[in-house]
Amino acid sequence: MEIKLKYFWYLIIVFLGSCTSLKFLPEDFEGVYEQKGSEGYKLIFKESTFSHIDTYEQTHMPPYDCCDTISYGYWELEKPGVLKLYSDPKLFLPIDLAVKENSIDDDSVHFVITNPIEDLYEENERPDILYTLFINSGIQFNFSTYHDTNRISLNNPEDVKIGRFSINIYPKHTFRGRNIGTREAETLEYEVKNTMSNVFEVNIPELNYGYLTYKRLNDDYIKIVSKDKLIWDGQEYVKHR
């Protein structure tokens, strides 16, 4: 239903755009467009890339260093009278992880997860994200468990060897980012180097507040009123001179 609705509006935009005889070139739209009535929201077009930013000071946000970017990616001119936006494809792909392995005399498997979000937590502060583990080893771990700590220990009394694993990340409903751009992120699968390892220090350097707040756009359409005026998501954007 959501896909059908998106293409319904796309057809409406194309129909409205076809009513004008104006011809546009991609370079006509390079520059900065400001949302009418809320000039702090800006659409910036540079050659084939775009960014949608919010320059207003976020006084209600906690004091961590987060970007002002709402979304970013690529754009192209579709005729008649339509611009198409789509996010950087890497935002839809699993994110990389770096792992250090160790082994200790213990009947459990231990994971210690670090990332820029974890680095910003203060002692006893409630975390903003949850983790689940997906482990390929033959042992029946409880994969559906959500962990609100970055230090996870799983009982392994049968000493089953860990072959591969990946991690999923979920923003909590109390997530303190600008917005929740994705409900779930996942890492690449890691193949264990030493089958005797039962301690894994996992670093996910790309997992920051910006990554989880960036809106994912898949063929979003903008109506061209003129090269100085655009309509996107019900809002008018005027080119800054």
C-alpha atoms as a PDB file:
ATOM      1  CA  MET A   1       0.000   0.000   0.000  1.00  0.00           C
ATOM      2  CA  GLU A   2       2.828   2.410   0.890  1.00  0.00           C
ATOM      3  CA  ILE A   3       4.561   1.774  -2.455  1.00  0.00           C
ATOM      4  CA  LYS A   4       1.299   2.300  -4.366  1.00  0.00           C
ATOM      5  CA  LEU A   5       0.712   5.582  -2.510  1.00  0.00           C
ATOM      6  CA  LYS A   6       4.250   6.781  -3.289  1.00  0.00           C
ATOM      7  CA  TYR A   7       3.775   6.169  -7.019  1.00  0.00           C
ATOM      8  CA  PHE A   8       0.330   7.759  -6.935  1.00  0.00           C
ATOM      9  CA  TRP A   9       1.917  10.995  -5.737  1.00  0.00           C
ATOM     10  CA  TYR A  10       4.708  10.548  -8.253  1.00  0.00           C
ATOM     11  CA  LEU A  11       2.137  10.442 -11.071  1.00  0.00           C
ATOM     12  CA  ILE A  12       0.435  13.546  -9.679  1.00  0.00           C
ATOM     13  CA  ILE A  13       3.760  15.400  -9.623  1.00  0.00           C
ATOM     14  CA  VAL A  14       4.572  14.302 -13.163  1.00  0.00           C
ATOM     15  CA  PHE A  15       1.126  15.425 -14.352  1.00  0.00           C
ATOM     16  CA  LEU A  16       1.479  18.829 -12.707  1.00  0.00           C
ATOM     17  CA  GLY A  17       5.018  19.192 -14.015  1.00  0.00           C
ATOM     18  CA  SER A  18       3.891  18.400 -17.542  1.00  0.00           C
ATOM     19  CA  CYS A  19       1.628  21.427 -17.482  1.00  0.00           C
ATOM     20  CA  THR A  20       4.627  23.725 -17.811  1.00  0.00           C
ATOM     21  CA  SER A  21       6.591  24.273 -20.991  1.00  0.00           C
ATOM     22  CA  LEU A  22       9.728  25.347 -19.106  1.00  0.00           C
ATOM     23  CA  LYS A  23      12.870  23.339 -19.796  1.00  0.00           C
ATOM     24  CA  PHE A  24      15.421  22.832 -17.057  1.00  0.00           C
ATOM     25  CA  LEU A  25      19.028  21.713 -16.846  1.00  0.00           C
ATOM     26  CA  PRO A  26      20.591  20.025 -13.796  1.00  0.00           C
ATOM     27  CA  GLU A  27      22.860  23.017 -13.189  1.00  0.00           C
ATOM     28  CA  ASP A  28      19.761  25.201 -12.744  1.00  0.00           C
ATOM     29  CA  PHE A  29      19.238  23.628  -9.322  1.00  0.00           C
ATOM     30  CA  GLU A  30      22.731  23.696  -7.900  1.00  0.00           C
ATOM     31  CA  GLY A  31      22.752  25.839  -4.769  1.00  0.00           C
ATOM     32  CA  VAL A  32      20.817  26.219  -1.523  1.00  0.00           C
ATOM     33  CA  TYR A  33      17.031  26.150  -1.131  1.00  0.00           C
ATOM     34  CA  GLU A  34      15.428  27.265   2.141  1.00  0.00           C
ATOM     35  CA  GLN A  35      12.107  26.014   3.449  1.00  0.00           C
ATOM     36  CA  LYS A  36       9.582  28.848   3.336  1.00  0.00           C
ATOM     37  CA  GLY A  37       8.712  29.953   6.869  1.00  0.00           C
ATOM     38  CA  SER A  38      11.441  27.742   8.381  1.00  0.00           C
ATOM     39  CA  GLU A  39      14.602  28.969   6.711  1.00  0.00           C
ATOM     40  CA  GLY A  40      16.789  26.870   8.999  1.00  0.00           C
ATOM     41  CA  TYR A  41      15.802  23.817   6.956  1.00  0.00           C
ATOM     42  CA  LYS A  42      17.851  23.769   3.781  1.00  0.00           C
ATOM     43  CA  LEU A  43      18.143  21.613   0.668  1.00  0.00           C
ATOM     44  CA  ILE A  44      21.611  21.815  -0.853  1.00  0.00           C
ATOM     45  CA  PHE A  45      22.339  20.536  -4.367  1.00  0.00           C
ATOM     46  CA  LYS A  46      25.920  20.075  -5.581  1.00  0.00           C
ATOM     47  CA  GLU A  47      26.348  18.436  -8.972  1.00  0.00           C
ATOM     48  CA  SER A  48      24.946  14.927  -8.380  1.00  0.00           C
ATOM     49  CA  THR A  49      24.748  15.028  -4.556  1.00  0.00           C
ATOM     50  CA  PHE A  50      22.292  16.608  -2.134  1.00  0.00           C
ATOM     51  CA  SER A  51      21.963  17.168   1.587  1.00  0.00           C
ATOM     52  CA  HIS A  52      18.958  18.160   3.682  1.00  0.00           C
ATOM     53  CA  ILE A  53      20.082  19.956   6.824  1.00  0.00           C
ATOM     54  CA  ASP A  54      18.602  21.566   9.915  1.00  0.00           C
ATOM     55  CA  THR A  55      20.672  24.533  11.058  1.00  0.00           C
ATOM     56  CA  TYR A  56      18.466  25.376  14.048  1.00  0.00           C
ATOM     57  CA  GLU A  57      20.141  24.975  17.424  1.00  0.00           C
ATOM     58  CA  GLN A  58      18.833  21.796  19.054  1.00  0.00           C
ATOM     59  CA  THR A  59      18.340  23.121  22.584  1.00  0.00           C
ATOM     60  CA  HIS A  60      16.255  20.081  23.618  1.00  0.00           C
ATOM     61  CA  MET A  61      19.005  17.647  22.644  1.00  0.00           C
ATOM     62  CA  PRO A  62      21.608  16.277  25.050  1.00  0.00           C
ATOM     63  CA  PRO A  63      25.078  17.838  24.734  1.00  0.00           C
ATOM     64  CA  TYR A  64      26.703  15.329  22.386  1.00  0.00           C
ATOM     65  CA  ASP A  65      28.328  16.145  19.102  1.00  0.00           C
ATOM     66  CA  CYS A  66      25.855  15.225  16.352  1.00  0.00           C
ATOM     67  CA  CYS A  67      25.567  16.464  12.834  1.00  0.00           C
ATOM     68  CA  ASP A  68      22.908  18.817  11.452  1.00  0.00           C
ATOM     69  CA  THR A  69      22.263  16.551   8.458  1.00  0.00           C
ATOM     70  CA  ILE A  70      18.763  15.061   8.187  1.00  0.00           C
ATOM     71  CA  SER A  71      19.450  13.133   4.987  1.00  0.00           C
ATOM     72  CA  TYR A  72      22.005  13.022   2.205  1.00  0.00           C
ATOM     73  CA  GLY A  73      22.642  11.178  -1.021  1.00  0.00           C
ATOM     74  CA  TYR A  74      22.172  11.693  -4.734  1.00  0.00           C
ATOM     75  CA  TRP A  75      19.711  13.487  -6.979  1.00  0.00           C
ATOM     76  CA  GLU A  76      18.810  13.608 -10.623  1.00  0.00           C
ATOM     77  CA  LEU A  77      16.508  15.576 -12.897  1.00  0.00           C
ATOM     78  CA  GLU A  78      13.538  13.583 -14.131  1.00  0.00           C
ATOM     79  CA  LYS A  79      11.339  15.040 -16.824  1.00  0.00           C
ATOM     80  CA  PRO A  80       8.902  16.580 -16.877  1.00  0.00           C
ATOM     81  CA  GLY A  81       9.273  18.862 -13.870  1.00  0.00           C
ATOM     82  CA  VAL A  82      10.542  16.377 -11.284  1.00  0.00           C
ATOM     83  CA  LEU A  83      13.681  15.931  -9.176  1.00  0.00           C
ATOM     84  CA  LYS A  84      14.394  12.525  -7.667  1.00  0.00           C
ATOM     85  CA  LEU A  85      16.281  12.019  -4.393  1.00  0.00           C
ATOM     86  CA  TYR A  86      17.763   8.807  -3.083  1.00  0.00           C
ATOM     87  CA  SER A  87      20.035   8.134  -0.123  1.00  0.00           C
ATOM     88  CA  ASP A  88      23.604   6.974  -0.296  1.00  0.00           C
ATOM     89  CA  PRO A  89      23.310   3.222  -0.986  1.00  0.00           C
ATOM     90  CA  LYS A  90      25.731   2.401   1.822  1.00  0.00           C
ATOM     91  CA  LEU A  91      23.058   3.434   4.348  1.00  0.00           C
ATOM     92  CA  PHE A  92      21.102   0.347   3.306  1.00  0.00           C
ATOM     93  CA  LEU A  93      24.065  -2.039   3.638  1.00  0.00           C
ATOM     94  CA  PRO A  94      25.466  -3.828   6.710  1.00  0.00           C
ATOM     95  CA  ILE A  95      28.148  -1.836   8.523  1.00  0.00           C
ATOM     96  CA  ASP A  96      31.686  -2.970   9.108  1.00  0.00           C
ATOM     97  CA  LEU A  97      33.115  -4.219  12.391  1.00  0.00           C
ATOM     98  CA  ALA A  98      36.582  -4.884  13.769  1.00  0.00           C
ATOM     99  CA  VAL A  99      37.056  -7.782  16.180  1.00  0.00           C
ATOM    100  CA  LYS A 100      39.786  -8.782  18.637  1.00  0.00           C
ATOM    101  CA  GLU A 101      39.636 -12.391  19.819  1.00  0.00           C
ATOM    102  CA  ASN A 102      40.816 -13.890  23.089  1.00  0.00           C
ATOM    103  CA  SER A 103      40.270 -17.082  25.050  1.00  0.00           C
ATOM    104  CA  ILE A 104      39.845 -17.533  28.795  1.00  0.00           C
ATOM    105  CA  ASP A 105      39.061 -20.495  31.011  1.00  0.00           C
ATOM    106  CA  ASP A 106      35.315 -19.984  31.204  1.00  0.00           C
ATOM    107  CA  ASP A 107      32.153 -21.832  30.134  1.00  0.00           C
ATOM    108  CA  SER A 108      30.613 -18.689  28.619  1.00  0.00           C
ATOM    109  CA  VAL A 109      31.055 -16.632  25.480  1.00  0.00           C
ATOM    110  CA  HIS A 110      31.675 -12.929  26.066  1.00  0.00           C
ATOM    111  CA  PHE A 111      31.115  -9.947  23.773  1.00  0.00           C
ATOM    112  CA  VAL A 112      32.273  -6.403  24.506  1.00  0.00           C
ATOM    113  CA  ILE A 113      30.831  -3.958  21.971  1.00  0.00           C
ATOM    114  CA  THR A 114      32.237  -0.477  21.440  1.00  0.00           C
ATOM    115  CA  ASN A 115      31.151   2.304  19.100  1.00  0.00           C
ATOM    116  CA  PRO A 116      30.875   6.113  19.158  1.00  0.00           C
ATOM    117  CA  ILE A 117      27.456   5.970  20.849  1.00  0.00           C
ATOM    118  CA  GLU A 118      28.762   3.813  23.686  1.00  0.00           C
ATOM    119  CA  ASP A 119      31.730   6.171  24.042  1.00  0.00           C
ATOM    120  CA  LEU A 120      29.369   9.031  24.882  1.00  0.00           C
ATOM    121  CA  TYR A 121      27.539   7.285  27.715  1.00  0.00           C
ATOM    122  CA  GLU A 122      28.255   8.436  31.206  1.00  0.00           C
ATOM    123  CA  GLU A 123      28.428   6.030  34.106  1.00  0.00           C
ATOM    124  CA  ASN A 124      24.961   4.667  35.018  1.00  0.00           C
ATOM    125  CA  GLU A 125      23.384   6.482  32.056  1.00  0.00           C
ATOM    126  CA  ARG A 126      20.561   4.641  30.300  1.00  0.00           C
ATOM    127  CA  PRO A 127      21.674   3.379  26.877  1.00  0.00           C
ATOM    128  CA  ASP A 128      19.986   4.554  23.677  1.00  0.00           C
ATOM    129  CA  ILE A 129      20.357   1.305  21.759  1.00  0.00           C
ATOM    130  CA  LEU A 130      19.754  -2.425  22.077  1.00  0.00           C
ATOM    131  CA  TYR A 131      21.728  -5.319  20.617  1.00  0.00           C
ATOM    132  CA  THR A 132      20.904  -8.798  19.406  1.00  0.00           C
ATOM    133  CA  LEU A 133      23.486 -11.411  18.445  1.00  0.00           C
ATOM    134  CA  PHE A 134      23.265 -13.867  15.562  1.00  0.00           C
ATOM    135  CA  ILE A 135      25.726 -16.701  16.091  1.00  0.00           C
ATOM    136  CA  ASN A 136      26.473 -19.538  13.690  1.00  0.00           C
ATOM    137  CA  SER A 137      27.834 -22.419  15.726  1.00  0.00           C
ATOM    138  CA  GLY A 138      25.182 -25.119  16.088  1.00  0.00           C
ATOM    139  CA  ILE A 139      24.395 -24.165  19.674  1.00  0.00           C
ATOM    140  CA  GLN A 140      20.894 -22.888  20.407  1.00  0.00           C
ATOM    141  CA  PHE A 141      21.582 -19.432  21.796  1.00  0.00           C
ATOM    142  CA  ASN A 142      18.568 -17.236  22.430  1.00  0.00           C
ATOM    143  CA  PHE A 143      18.939 -14.929  19.432  1.00  0.00           C
ATOM    144  CA  SER A 144      15.712 -13.047  20.162  1.00  0.00           C
ATOM    145  CA  THR A 145      17.061 -11.566  23.394  1.00  0.00           C
ATOM    146  CA  TYR A 146      17.545  -7.792  23.349  1.00  0.00           C
ATOM    147  CA  HIS A 147      20.548  -6.644  25.343  1.00  0.00           C
ATOM    148  CA  ASP A 148      20.666  -3.100  26.718  1.00  0.00           C
ATOM    149  CA  THR A 149      24.321  -3.411  27.658  1.00  0.00           C
ATOM    150  CA  ASN A 150      27.430  -3.554  25.519  1.00  0.00           C
ATOM    151  CA  ARG A 151      28.865  -6.353  27.682  1.00  0.00           C
ATOM    152  CA  ILE A 152      27.065  -9.584  26.826  1.00  0.00           C
ATOM    153  CA  SER A 153      27.827 -13.036  28.235  1.00  0.00           C
ATOM    154  CA  LEU A 154      26.139 -16.211  26.970  1.00  0.00           C
ATOM    155  CA  ASN A 155      26.344 -19.544  28.771  1.00  0.00           C
ATOM    156  CA  ASN A 156      28.102 -22.211  26.721  1.00  0.00           C
ATOM    157  CA  PRO A 157      28.426 -25.250  29.012  1.00  0.00           C
ATOM    158  CA  GLU A 158      28.911 -27.629  26.072  1.00  0.00           C
ATOM    159  CA  ASP A 159      31.905 -25.581  24.868  1.00  0.00           C
ATOM    160  CA  VAL A 160      30.498 -25.318  21.350  1.00  0.00           C
ATOM    161  CA  LYS A 161      32.896 -23.444  19.071  1.00  0.00           C
ATOM    162  CA  ILE A 162      31.771 -20.125  17.627  1.00  0.00           C
ATOM    163  CA  GLY A 163      32.088 -20.059  13.842  1.00  0.00           C
ATOM    164  CA  ARG A 164      30.603 -16.742  12.729  1.00  0.00           C
ATOM    165  CA  PHE A 165      28.493 -13.964  14.215  1.00  0.00           C
ATOM    166  CA  SER A 166      26.866 -10.644  13.410  1.00  0.00           C
ATOM    167  CA  ILE A 167      25.150  -7.986  15.520  1.00  0.00           C
ATOM    168  CA  ASN A 168      21.881  -6.118  15.032  1.00  0.00           C
ATOM    169  CA  ILE A 169      21.310  -2.695  16.595  1.00  0.00           C
ATOM    170  CA  TYR A 170      17.955  -1.140  17.488  1.00  0.00           C
ATOM    171  CA  PRO A 171      17.350   2.459  18.662  1.00  0.00           C
ATOM    172  CA  LYS A 172      15.179   2.503  21.775  1.00  0.00           C
ATOM    173  CA  HIS A 173      11.959   4.529  21.880  1.00  0.00           C
ATOM    174  CA  THR A 174      13.839   6.941  24.155  1.00  0.00           C
ATOM    175  CA  PHE A 175      16.602   7.389  21.555  1.00  0.00           C
ATOM    176  CA  ARG A 176      17.988  10.920  21.884  1.00  0.00           C
ATOM    177  CA  GLY A 177      18.886  11.569  18.272  1.00  0.00           C
ATOM    178  CA  ARG A 178      17.230  14.176  16.066  1.00  0.00           C
ATOM    179  CA  ASN A 179      14.910  11.453  14.818  1.00  0.00           C
ATOM    180  CA  ILE A 180      15.044   7.699  14.233  1.00  0.00           C
ATOM    181  CA  GLY A 181      16.136   7.241  10.638  1.00  0.00           C
ATOM    182  CA  THR A 182      16.187   3.441  10.780  1.00  0.00           C
ATOM    183  CA  ARG A 183      14.571   0.976  13.170  1.00  0.00           C
ATOM    184  CA  GLU A 184      17.313  -1.592  12.712  1.00  0.00           C
ATOM    185  CA  ALA A 185      20.958  -1.634  11.668  1.00  0.00           C
ATOM    186  CA  GLU A 186      23.098  -4.688  11.146  1.00  0.00           C
ATOM    187  CA  THR A 187      26.782  -5.445  10.928  1.00  0.00           C
ATOM    188  CA  LEU A 188      28.611  -7.580   8.449  1.00  0.00           C
ATOM    189  CA  GLU A 189      29.080 -11.179   9.500  1.00  0.00           C
ATOM    190  CA  TYR A 190      32.418 -11.884  11.155  1.00  0.00           C
ATOM    191  CA  GLU A 191      34.193 -15.211  10.707  1.00  0.00           C
ATOM    192  CA  VAL A 192      36.064 -16.301  13.832  1.00  0.00           C
ATOM    193  CA  LYS A 193      39.783 -16.856  13.294  1.00  0.00           C
ATOM    194  CA  ASN A 194      40.509 -19.056  16.319  1.00  0.00           C
ATOM    195  CA  THR A 195      37.879 -21.645  17.235  1.00  0.00           C
ATOM    196  CA  MET A 196      39.159 -21.603  20.836  1.00  0.00           C
ATOM    197  CA  SER A 197      38.158 -17.938  21.239  1.00  0.00           C
ATOM    198  CA  ASN A 198      35.363 -17.145  23.677  1.00  0.00           C
ATOM    199  CA  VAL A 199      35.992 -13.419  24.219  1.00  0.00           C
ATOM    200  CA  PHE A 200      35.245 -10.999  21.391  1.00  0.00           C
ATOM    201  CA  GLU A 201      35.935  -7.273  21.565  1.00  0.00           C
ATOM    202  CA  VAL A 202      33.807  -5.817  18.788  1.00  0.00           C
ATOM    203  CA  ASN A 203      34.263  -2.259  17.553  1.00  0.00           C
ATOM    204  CA  ILE A 204      31.666  -0.736  15.192  1.00  0.00           C
ATOM    205  CA  PRO A 205      33.240   2.639  14.254  1.00  0.00           C
ATOM    206  CA  GLU A 206      30.464   3.736  11.859  1.00  0.00           C
ATOM    207  CA  LEU A 207      27.718   3.313  14.465  1.00  0.00           C
ATOM    208  CA  ASN A 208      27.126   6.876  15.655  1.00  0.00           C
ATOM    209  CA  TYR A 209      24.086   9.073  16.270  1.00  0.00           C
ATOM    210  CA  GLY A 210      24.271  10.455  12.751  1.00  0.00           C
ATOM    211  CA  TYR A 211      24.107   7.000  11.162  1.00  0.00           C
ATOM    212  CA  LEU A 212      20.935   6.104  13.084  1.00  0.00           C
ATOM    213  CA  THR A 213      19.240   9.467  12.478  1.00  0.00           C
ATOM    214  CA  TYR A 214      19.849   9.867   8.723  1.00  0.00           C
ATOM    215  CA  LYS A 215      16.547   9.433   6.914  1.00  0.00           C
ATOM    216  CA  ARG A 216      16.682   6.724   4.279  1.00  0.00           C
ATOM    217  CA  LEU A 217      15.184   7.991   1.015  1.00  0.00           C
ATOM    218  CA  ASN A 218      14.292   5.673  -1.830  1.00  0.00           C
ATOM    219  CA  ASP A 219      13.131   7.574  -4.899  1.00  0.00           C
ATOM    220  CA  ASP A 220      11.648  10.618  -3.161  1.00  0.00           C
ATOM    221  CA  TYR A 221      10.209  13.083  -5.674  1.00  0.00           C
ATOM    222  CA  ILE A 222      10.295  16.890  -5.693  1.00  0.00           C
ATOM    223  CA  LYS A 223       7.964  18.963  -7.849  1.00  0.00           C
ATOM    224  CA  ILE A 224       9.683  21.724  -9.808  1.00  0.00           C
ATOM    225  CA  VAL A 225       7.629  24.922  -9.793  1.00  0.00           C
ATOM    226  CA  SER A 226      10.516  26.914 -11.229  1.00  0.00           C
ATOM    227  CA  LYS A 227      14.289  26.800 -10.914  1.00  0.00           C
ATOM    228  CA  ASP A 228      13.872  29.033  -7.854  1.00  0.00           C
ATOM    229  CA  LYS A 229      10.963  27.188  -6.205  1.00  0.00           C
ATOM    230  CA  LEU A 230      10.484  23.511  -5.300  1.00  0.00           C
ATOM    231  CA  ILE A 231       7.759  21.576  -3.481  1.00  0.00           C
ATOM    232  CA  TRP A 232       8.892  18.610  -1.376  1.00  0.00           C
ATOM    233  CA  ASP A 233       6.901  16.668   1.185  1.00  0.00           C
ATOM    234  CA  GLY A 234       4.242  19.387   1.237  1.00  0.00           C
ATOM    235  CA  GLN A 235       6.772  22.167   1.921  1.00  0.00           C
ATOM    236  CA  GLU A 236       7.898  24.968  -0.362  1.00  0.00           C
ATOM    237  CA  TYR A 237      11.640  25.533  -0.805  1.00  0.00           C
ATOM    238  CA  VAL A 238      12.927  28.795  -2.261  1.00  0.00           C
ATOM    239  CA  LYS A 239      16.398  29.259  -3.718  1.00  0.00           C
ATOM    240  CA  HIS A 240      18.660  31.415  -1.568  1.00  0.00           C
ATOM    241  CA  ARG A 241      20.243  34.312  -3.402  1.00  0.00           C
END
